[in-house]
Amino acid sequence: MSAPLYAGSSTAQINVSVQVIARTILTIDAQPATVNITTEDVARGYVDVPQTVAFRVLSNSRGGYALTFQPVSYPFSAAEVRWGAQMATVESSEWMSSITHPYQHGGSVGTLAVRLRLAPGVEAGSYTWPLQVAANSL
């Protein structure tokens, strides 16, 4: 026969820490596939496309986020992008430009108004939408 064994008890303290990685998700709800340039637009030197890009942003970054715009290409020389009172100018030679936005619980929705400046020698016609938008946590 064997004698019963009893375990002793002890306590210990464990410290746990959590680091939440900032994440920002951009969803484009509406954006044109093409831009139609008229002879009037060519004479004026630009095309206004108001409230053309509709989007939603979800971000957990307490520092906010930035909407970034990649450079435009021919037949456009620049794009002026407005969201509310903020504006970013994207040139064909720059890597990117951005608009920042503070953290907003529940996310943000918005529309971008765009003025596309025409490169010299552009003719009237239909061209591929030139603006690429991304979002990054700050």
N, C-alpha and C. Protein backbone atom coordinates (compact mmCIF):
# COMPACT_ATOMS: atom_id res chain seq x y z
N MET A 1 0.82 -1.16 0.00
CA MET A 1 0.00 0.00 0.00
C MET A 1 0.87 1.24 0.00
N SER A 2 0.32 2.26 -0.57
CA SER A 2 1.07 3.51 -0.60
C SER A 2 0.31 4.59 0.13
N ALA A 3 1.06 5.52 0.64
CA ALA A 3 0.47 6.63 1.39
C ALA A 3 0.02 7.72 0.42
N PRO A 4 -1.11 8.41 0.71
CA PRO A 4 -1.57 9.48 -0.19
C PRO A 4 -0.57 10.64 -0.20
N LEU A 5 -0.46 11.27 -1.37
CA LEU A 5 0.42 12.43 -1.53
C LEU A 5 -0.44 13.68 -1.64
N TYR A 6 0.01 14.75 -1.04
CA TYR A 6 -0.71 16.02 -1.09
C TYR A 6 0.22 17.07 -1.68
N ALA A 7 -0.32 17.87 -2.61
CA ALA A 7 0.48 18.93 -3.22
C ALA A 7 0.40 20.17 -2.35
N GLY A 8 1.50 20.87 -2.29
CA GLY A 8 1.51 22.12 -1.56
C GLY A 8 0.96 23.23 -2.45
N SER A 9 0.65 24.35 -1.92
CA SER A 9 0.14 25.46 -2.72
C SER A 9 1.15 26.60 -2.69
N SER A 10 1.15 27.35 -3.78
CA SER A 10 2.00 28.54 -3.86
C SER A 10 1.32 29.54 -4.78
N THR A 11 1.71 30.78 -4.69
CA THR A 11 1.15 31.84 -5.54
C THR A 11 2.28 32.51 -6.29
N ALA A 12 1.93 33.07 -7.43
CA ALA A 12 2.89 33.81 -8.25
C ALA A 12 2.15 34.95 -8.94
N GLN A 13 2.88 35.99 -9.25
CA GLN A 13 2.29 37.13 -9.93
C GLN A 13 2.81 37.14 -11.37
N ILE A 14 1.89 37.36 -12.30
CA ILE A 14 2.25 37.42 -13.72
C ILE A 14 1.86 38.80 -14.24
N ASN A 15 2.77 39.46 -14.95
CA ASN A 15 2.48 40.74 -15.59
C ASN A 15 2.23 40.50 -17.07
N VAL A 16 1.15 41.09 -17.57
CA VAL A 16 0.79 40.95 -18.97
C VAL A 16 0.69 42.35 -19.58
N SER A 17 1.26 42.52 -20.76
CA SER A 17 1.10 43.79 -21.47
C SER A 17 0.65 43.49 -22.89
N VAL A 18 -0.10 44.41 -23.47
CA VAL A 18 -0.64 44.24 -24.81
C VAL A 18 -0.27 45.47 -25.63
N GLN A 19 0.16 45.23 -26.85
CA GLN A 19 0.44 46.32 -27.77
C GLN A 19 -0.49 46.16 -28.96
N VAL A 20 -1.35 47.16 -29.20
CA VAL A 20 -2.29 47.11 -30.32
C VAL A 20 -1.62 47.79 -31.51
N ILE A 21 -1.52 47.06 -32.59
CA ILE A 21 -0.90 47.59 -33.80
C ILE A 21 -1.91 48.46 -34.53
N ALA A 22 -1.48 49.67 -34.92
CA ALA A 22 -2.36 50.59 -35.63
C ALA A 22 -2.73 50.01 -36.99
N ARG A 23 -4.00 50.12 -37.31
CA ARG A 23 -4.48 49.59 -38.58
C ARG A 23 -5.49 50.56 -39.17
N THR A 24 -5.35 50.83 -40.46
CA THR A 24 -6.25 51.73 -41.17
C THR A 24 -6.70 51.05 -42.45
N ILE A 25 -8.02 51.04 -42.66
CA ILE A 25 -8.60 50.38 -43.83
C ILE A 25 -9.40 51.41 -44.63
N LEU A 26 -9.05 51.56 -45.90
CA LEU A 26 -9.74 52.47 -46.81
C LEU A 26 -10.62 51.65 -47.76
N THR A 27 -11.88 52.06 -47.88
CA THR A 27 -12.79 51.45 -48.84
C THR A 27 -13.28 52.54 -49.79
N ILE A 28 -13.04 52.35 -51.08
CA ILE A 28 -13.53 53.29 -52.09
C ILE A 28 -14.91 52.80 -52.51
N ASP A 29 -15.93 53.63 -52.26
CA ASP A 29 -17.30 53.26 -52.59
C ASP A 29 -17.68 53.66 -54.01
N ALA A 30 -17.12 54.76 -54.51
CA ALA A 30 -17.42 55.21 -55.87
C ALA A 30 -16.24 56.01 -56.39
N GLN A 31 -15.92 55.74 -57.66
CA GLN A 31 -14.82 56.46 -58.31
C GLN A 31 -14.99 56.24 -59.82
N PRO A 32 -14.84 57.29 -60.62
CA PRO A 32 -15.02 57.08 -62.07
C PRO A 32 -13.89 56.25 -62.66
N ALA A 33 -14.19 55.55 -63.73
CA ALA A 33 -13.17 54.78 -64.44
C ALA A 33 -12.45 55.64 -65.47
N THR A 34 -13.17 56.66 -65.97
CA THR A 34 -12.61 57.53 -66.99
C THR A 34 -12.95 59.00 -66.71
N VAL A 35 -12.22 59.87 -67.39
CA VAL A 35 -12.48 61.31 -67.35
C VAL A 35 -12.66 61.77 -68.79
N ASN A 36 -13.75 62.46 -69.06
CA ASN A 36 -13.99 63.00 -70.39
C ASN A 36 -13.52 64.44 -70.43
N ILE A 37 -12.62 64.73 -71.37
CA ILE A 37 -12.07 66.07 -71.54
C ILE A 37 -12.69 66.67 -72.79
N THR A 38 -13.31 67.83 -72.61
CA THR A 38 -13.95 68.53 -73.72
C THR A 38 -13.00 69.58 -74.28
N THR A 39 -13.37 70.16 -75.42
CA THR A 39 -12.56 71.25 -75.99
C THR A 39 -12.57 72.46 -75.06
N GLU A 40 -13.67 72.67 -74.34
CA GLU A 40 -13.74 73.76 -73.36
C GLU A 40 -12.75 73.51 -72.22
N ASP A 41 -12.64 72.26 -71.76
CA ASP A 41 -11.67 71.91 -70.71
C ASP A 41 -10.25 72.17 -71.19
N VAL A 42 -9.96 71.80 -72.44
CA VAL A 42 -8.62 72.02 -73.00
C VAL A 42 -8.31 73.51 -73.02
N ALA A 43 -9.26 74.34 -73.45
CA ALA A 43 -9.06 75.79 -73.50
C ALA A 43 -8.85 76.37 -72.10
N ARG A 44 -9.57 75.82 -71.12
CA ARG A 44 -9.48 76.30 -69.74
C ARG A 44 -8.20 75.79 -69.06
N GLY A 45 -7.74 74.61 -69.45
CA GLY A 45 -6.52 74.04 -68.88
C GLY A 45 -6.74 73.08 -67.72
N TYR A 46 -7.99 72.80 -67.37
CA TYR A 46 -8.27 71.87 -66.27
C TYR A 46 -9.68 71.31 -66.40
N VAL A 47 -9.93 70.24 -65.64
CA VAL A 47 -11.24 69.61 -65.54
C VAL A 47 -11.59 69.53 -64.06
N ASP A 48 -12.76 70.05 -63.69
CA ASP A 48 -13.24 69.91 -62.31
C ASP A 48 -14.14 68.68 -62.23
N VAL A 49 -13.86 67.84 -61.23
CA VAL A 49 -14.66 66.65 -61.00
C VAL A 49 -15.09 66.69 -59.53
N PRO A 50 -16.19 67.42 -59.22
CA PRO A 50 -16.59 67.59 -57.82
C PRO A 50 -17.19 66.33 -57.22
N GLN A 51 -16.90 66.11 -55.94
CA GLN A 51 -17.46 65.00 -55.17
C GLN A 51 -17.41 63.68 -55.94
N THR A 52 -16.26 63.38 -56.48
CA THR A 52 -16.16 62.24 -57.38
C THR A 52 -15.72 60.95 -56.72
N VAL A 53 -14.91 61.01 -55.67
CA VAL A 53 -14.44 59.80 -55.01
C VAL A 53 -15.11 59.71 -53.65
N ALA A 54 -15.98 58.71 -53.49
CA ALA A 54 -16.66 58.48 -52.20
C ALA A 54 -15.92 57.36 -51.49
N PHE A 55 -15.64 57.55 -50.19
CA PHE A 55 -14.83 56.57 -49.46
C PHE A 55 -15.24 56.47 -48.00
N ARG A 56 -14.76 55.38 -47.36
CA ARG A 56 -14.90 55.17 -45.92
C ARG A 56 -13.55 54.76 -45.37
N VAL A 57 -13.24 55.22 -44.16
CA VAL A 57 -11.99 54.84 -43.51
C VAL A 57 -12.30 54.34 -42.10
N LEU A 58 -11.78 53.17 -41.77
CA LEU A 58 -11.82 52.64 -40.41
C LEU A 58 -10.38 52.61 -39.92
N SER A 59 -10.14 53.22 -38.76
CA SER A 59 -8.78 53.25 -38.22
C SER A 59 -8.83 53.19 -36.70
N ASN A 60 -7.91 52.42 -36.13
CA ASN A 60 -7.78 52.38 -34.68
C ASN A 60 -6.58 53.19 -34.22
N SER A 61 -5.94 53.91 -35.12
CA SER A 61 -4.75 54.69 -34.81
C SER A 61 -5.14 55.97 -34.07
N ARG A 62 -4.74 56.08 -32.82
CA ARG A 62 -5.06 57.28 -32.03
C ARG A 62 -4.38 58.52 -32.59
N GLY A 63 -3.34 58.33 -33.41
CA GLY A 63 -2.66 59.45 -34.05
C GLY A 63 -3.35 59.91 -35.32
N GLY A 64 -4.39 59.19 -35.74
CA GLY A 64 -5.09 59.54 -36.97
C GLY A 64 -4.53 58.78 -38.16
N TYR A 65 -4.83 59.28 -39.33
CA TYR A 65 -4.37 58.62 -40.55
C TYR A 65 -4.14 59.66 -41.65
N ALA A 66 -3.52 59.21 -42.71
CA ALA A 66 -3.28 60.06 -43.88
C ALA A 66 -3.84 59.39 -45.11
N LEU A 67 -4.56 60.16 -45.92
CA LEU A 67 -4.93 59.71 -47.26
C LEU A 67 -3.79 60.13 -48.16
N THR A 68 -3.21 59.20 -48.88
CA THR A 68 -2.08 59.52 -49.76
C THR A 68 -2.50 59.34 -51.21
N PHE A 69 -1.94 60.18 -52.06
CA PHE A 69 -2.27 60.19 -53.48
C PHE A 69 -1.00 60.01 -54.29
N GLN A 70 -1.01 59.06 -55.20
CA GLN A 70 0.15 58.82 -56.05
C GLN A 70 0.13 59.79 -57.22
N PRO A 71 1.30 60.01 -57.83
CA PRO A 71 1.39 60.98 -58.93
C PRO A 71 0.47 60.64 -60.10
N VAL A 72 0.03 61.68 -60.78
CA VAL A 72 -0.80 61.51 -61.95
C VAL A 72 0.10 61.40 -63.18
N SER A 73 -0.46 60.90 -64.26
CA SER A 73 0.32 60.77 -65.50
C SER A 73 -0.43 61.43 -66.65
N TYR A 74 0.24 61.50 -67.79
CA TYR A 74 -0.32 62.15 -68.96
C TYR A 74 -1.70 61.58 -69.25
N PRO A 75 -2.64 62.39 -69.59
CA PRO A 75 -2.60 63.77 -70.06
C PRO A 75 -2.75 64.82 -68.96
N PHE A 76 -2.54 64.42 -67.71
CA PHE A 76 -2.71 65.34 -66.59
C PHE A 76 -1.34 65.72 -66.03
N SER A 77 -1.19 67.00 -65.67
CA SER A 77 0.08 67.45 -65.11
C SER A 77 0.02 67.52 -63.59
N ALA A 78 -1.19 67.65 -63.04
CA ALA A 78 -1.36 67.73 -61.59
C ALA A 78 -2.82 67.46 -61.24
N ALA A 79 -3.03 67.09 -59.98
CA ALA A 79 -4.40 66.95 -59.44
C ALA A 79 -4.45 67.70 -58.13
N GLU A 80 -5.46 68.54 -57.98
CA GLU A 80 -5.72 69.22 -56.72
C GLU A 80 -6.88 68.48 -56.07
N VAL A 81 -6.62 67.88 -54.92
CA VAL A 81 -7.61 67.04 -54.24
C VAL A 81 -8.08 67.77 -52.98
N ARG A 82 -9.37 67.92 -52.83
CA ARG A 82 -9.95 68.58 -51.66
C ARG A 82 -10.84 67.62 -50.88
N TRP A 83 -10.65 67.68 -49.56
CA TRP A 83 -11.56 66.99 -48.65
C TRP A 83 -11.87 68.00 -47.56
N GLY A 84 -13.08 68.52 -47.59
CA GLY A 84 -13.44 69.58 -46.65
C GLY A 84 -12.56 70.80 -46.87
N ALA A 85 -11.91 71.27 -45.80
CA ALA A 85 -11.06 72.46 -45.89
C ALA A 85 -9.62 72.13 -46.27
N GLN A 86 -9.28 70.86 -46.37
CA GLN A 86 -7.90 70.47 -46.68
C GLN A 86 -7.73 70.23 -48.18
N MET A 87 -6.52 70.52 -48.66
CA MET A 87 -6.21 70.29 -50.06
C MET A 87 -4.80 69.72 -50.19
N ALA A 88 -4.65 68.79 -51.12
CA ALA A 88 -3.33 68.25 -51.47
C ALA A 88 -3.17 68.41 -52.98
N THR A 89 -1.97 68.79 -53.39
CA THR A 89 -1.66 68.89 -54.82
C THR A 89 -0.71 67.77 -55.18
N VAL A 90 -1.11 66.99 -56.17
CA VAL A 90 -0.32 65.86 -56.62
C VAL A 90 0.22 66.19 -58.01
N GLU A 91 1.53 66.29 -58.12
CA GLU A 91 2.15 66.60 -59.41
C GLU A 91 2.56 65.30 -60.09
N SER A 92 2.82 65.37 -61.37
CA SER A 92 3.23 64.17 -62.10
C SER A 92 4.65 63.74 -61.72
N SER A 93 5.46 64.65 -61.17
CA SER A 93 6.85 64.32 -60.85
C SER A 93 7.07 63.95 -59.38
N GLU A 94 6.07 64.17 -58.52
CA GLU A 94 6.23 63.88 -57.09
C GLU A 94 5.84 62.43 -56.80
N TRP A 95 6.43 61.88 -55.75
CA TRP A 95 6.10 60.50 -55.38
C TRP A 95 4.68 60.43 -54.84
N MET A 96 4.35 61.24 -53.85
CA MET A 96 2.97 61.26 -53.37
C MET A 96 2.72 62.49 -52.51
N SER A 97 1.48 62.78 -52.30
CA SER A 97 1.04 63.88 -51.46
C SER A 97 -0.04 63.33 -50.55
N SER A 98 -0.36 64.04 -49.45
CA SER A 98 -1.34 63.47 -48.53
C SER A 98 -2.16 64.52 -47.82
N ILE A 99 -3.27 64.06 -47.25
CA ILE A 99 -4.15 64.82 -46.37
C ILE A 99 -4.27 64.02 -45.09
N THR A 100 -4.07 64.66 -43.94
CA THR A 100 -4.17 63.95 -42.67
C THR A 100 -5.53 64.17 -42.04
N HIS A 101 -5.93 63.22 -41.20
CA HIS A 101 -7.21 63.30 -40.51
C HIS A 101 -7.03 62.72 -39.11
N PRO A 102 -7.60 63.38 -38.09
CA PRO A 102 -7.45 62.87 -36.72
C PRO A 102 -8.27 61.60 -36.49
N TYR A 103 -7.94 60.90 -35.42
CA TYR A 103 -8.69 59.70 -35.04
C TYR A 103 -10.16 60.07 -34.85
N GLN A 104 -11.03 59.20 -35.35
CA GLN A 104 -12.46 59.40 -35.18
C GLN A 104 -13.09 58.05 -34.85
N HIS A 105 -13.63 57.95 -33.64
CA HIS A 105 -14.26 56.70 -33.21
C HIS A 105 -15.36 56.32 -34.20
N GLY A 106 -15.35 55.08 -34.64
CA GLY A 106 -16.37 54.60 -35.58
C GLY A 106 -16.01 54.82 -37.03
N GLY A 107 -14.92 55.52 -37.31
CA GLY A 107 -14.48 55.71 -38.69
C GLY A 107 -14.95 57.02 -39.29
N SER A 108 -14.58 57.22 -40.54
CA SER A 108 -14.89 58.45 -41.27
C SER A 108 -15.46 58.09 -42.64
N VAL A 109 -16.32 58.96 -43.13
CA VAL A 109 -16.80 58.86 -44.51
C VAL A 109 -16.55 60.21 -45.17
N GLY A 110 -16.36 60.20 -46.47
CA GLY A 110 -16.13 61.46 -47.14
C GLY A 110 -16.17 61.33 -48.64
N THR A 111 -16.07 62.48 -49.29
CA THR A 111 -15.95 62.54 -50.74
C THR A 111 -14.84 63.51 -51.08
N LEU A 112 -14.14 63.21 -52.13
CA LEU A 112 -13.05 64.06 -52.60
C LEU A 112 -13.51 64.82 -53.84
N ALA A 113 -13.22 66.10 -53.86
CA ALA A 113 -13.42 66.92 -55.06
C ALA A 113 -12.06 67.03 -55.73
N VAL A 114 -12.01 66.87 -57.04
CA VAL A 114 -10.73 66.82 -57.73
C VAL A 114 -10.73 67.80 -58.91
N ARG A 115 -9.65 68.57 -59.01
CA ARG A 115 -9.39 69.40 -60.20
C ARG A 115 -8.16 68.80 -60.87
N LEU A 116 -8.34 68.39 -62.10
CA LEU A 116 -7.25 67.79 -62.86
C LEU A 116 -6.70 68.84 -63.83
N ARG A 117 -5.45 69.21 -63.62
CA ARG A 117 -4.78 70.16 -64.51
C ARG A 117 -4.26 69.39 -65.72
N LEU A 118 -4.46 69.97 -66.91
CA LEU A 118 -4.10 69.29 -68.15
C LEU A 118 -2.67 69.61 -68.56
N ALA A 119 -1.99 68.61 -69.09
CA ALA A 119 -0.64 68.80 -69.62
C ALA A 119 -0.73 69.53 -70.95
N PRO A 120 0.32 70.23 -71.34
CA PRO A 120 0.31 70.91 -72.64
C PRO A 120 0.11 69.92 -73.79
N GLY A 121 -0.66 70.34 -74.79
CA GLY A 121 -0.86 69.51 -75.98
C GLY A 121 -1.94 68.47 -75.86
N VAL A 122 -2.71 68.46 -74.78
CA VAL A 122 -3.78 67.47 -74.60
C VAL A 122 -4.91 67.76 -75.57
N GLU A 123 -5.50 66.70 -76.08
CA GLU A 123 -6.66 66.82 -76.96
C GLU A 123 -7.90 66.31 -76.23
N ALA A 124 -9.05 66.79 -76.68
CA ALA A 124 -10.32 66.33 -76.10
C ALA A 124 -10.45 64.83 -76.30
N GLY A 125 -11.10 64.18 -75.33
CA GLY A 125 -11.28 62.73 -75.43
C GLY A 125 -11.55 62.12 -74.07
N SER A 126 -11.59 60.81 -74.02
CA SER A 126 -11.82 60.07 -72.79
C SER A 126 -10.51 59.44 -72.34
N TYR A 127 -10.17 59.64 -71.07
CA TYR A 127 -8.91 59.15 -70.52
C TYR A 127 -9.16 58.37 -69.23
N THR A 128 -8.27 57.47 -68.91
CA THR A 128 -8.36 56.66 -67.69
C THR A 128 -8.26 57.55 -66.46
N TRP A 129 -9.06 57.23 -65.44
CA TRP A 129 -9.03 57.97 -64.17
C TRP A 129 -7.61 57.92 -63.62
N PRO A 130 -7.00 59.07 -63.30
CA PRO A 130 -5.56 59.10 -62.98
C PRO A 130 -5.20 59.02 -61.50
N LEU A 131 -6.16 59.12 -60.60
CA LEU A 131 -5.84 59.29 -59.19
C LEU A 131 -5.92 57.99 -58.41
N GLN A 132 -4.83 57.62 -57.73
CA GLN A 132 -4.78 56.45 -56.87
C GLN A 132 -4.73 56.93 -55.42
N VAL A 133 -5.61 56.38 -54.57
CA VAL A 133 -5.72 56.80 -53.18
C VAL A 133 -5.41 55.62 -52.27
N ALA A 134 -4.67 55.88 -51.20
CA ALA A 134 -4.37 54.87 -50.18
C ALA A 134 -4.52 55.54 -48.82
N ALA A 135 -4.57 54.76 -47.75
CA ALA A 135 -4.65 55.30 -46.39
C ALA A 135 -3.61 54.61 -45.52
N ASN A 136 -2.96 55.40 -44.66
CA ASN A 136 -1.92 54.90 -43.77
C ASN A 136 -2.12 55.43 -42.36
N SER A 137 -1.87 54.60 -41.38
CA SER A 137 -1.95 55.03 -39.98
C SER A 137 -0.82 55.99 -39.66
N LEU A 138 -1.12 56.96 -38.80
CA LEU A 138 -0.07 57.89 -38.34
C LEU A 138 0.42 57.46 -36.98
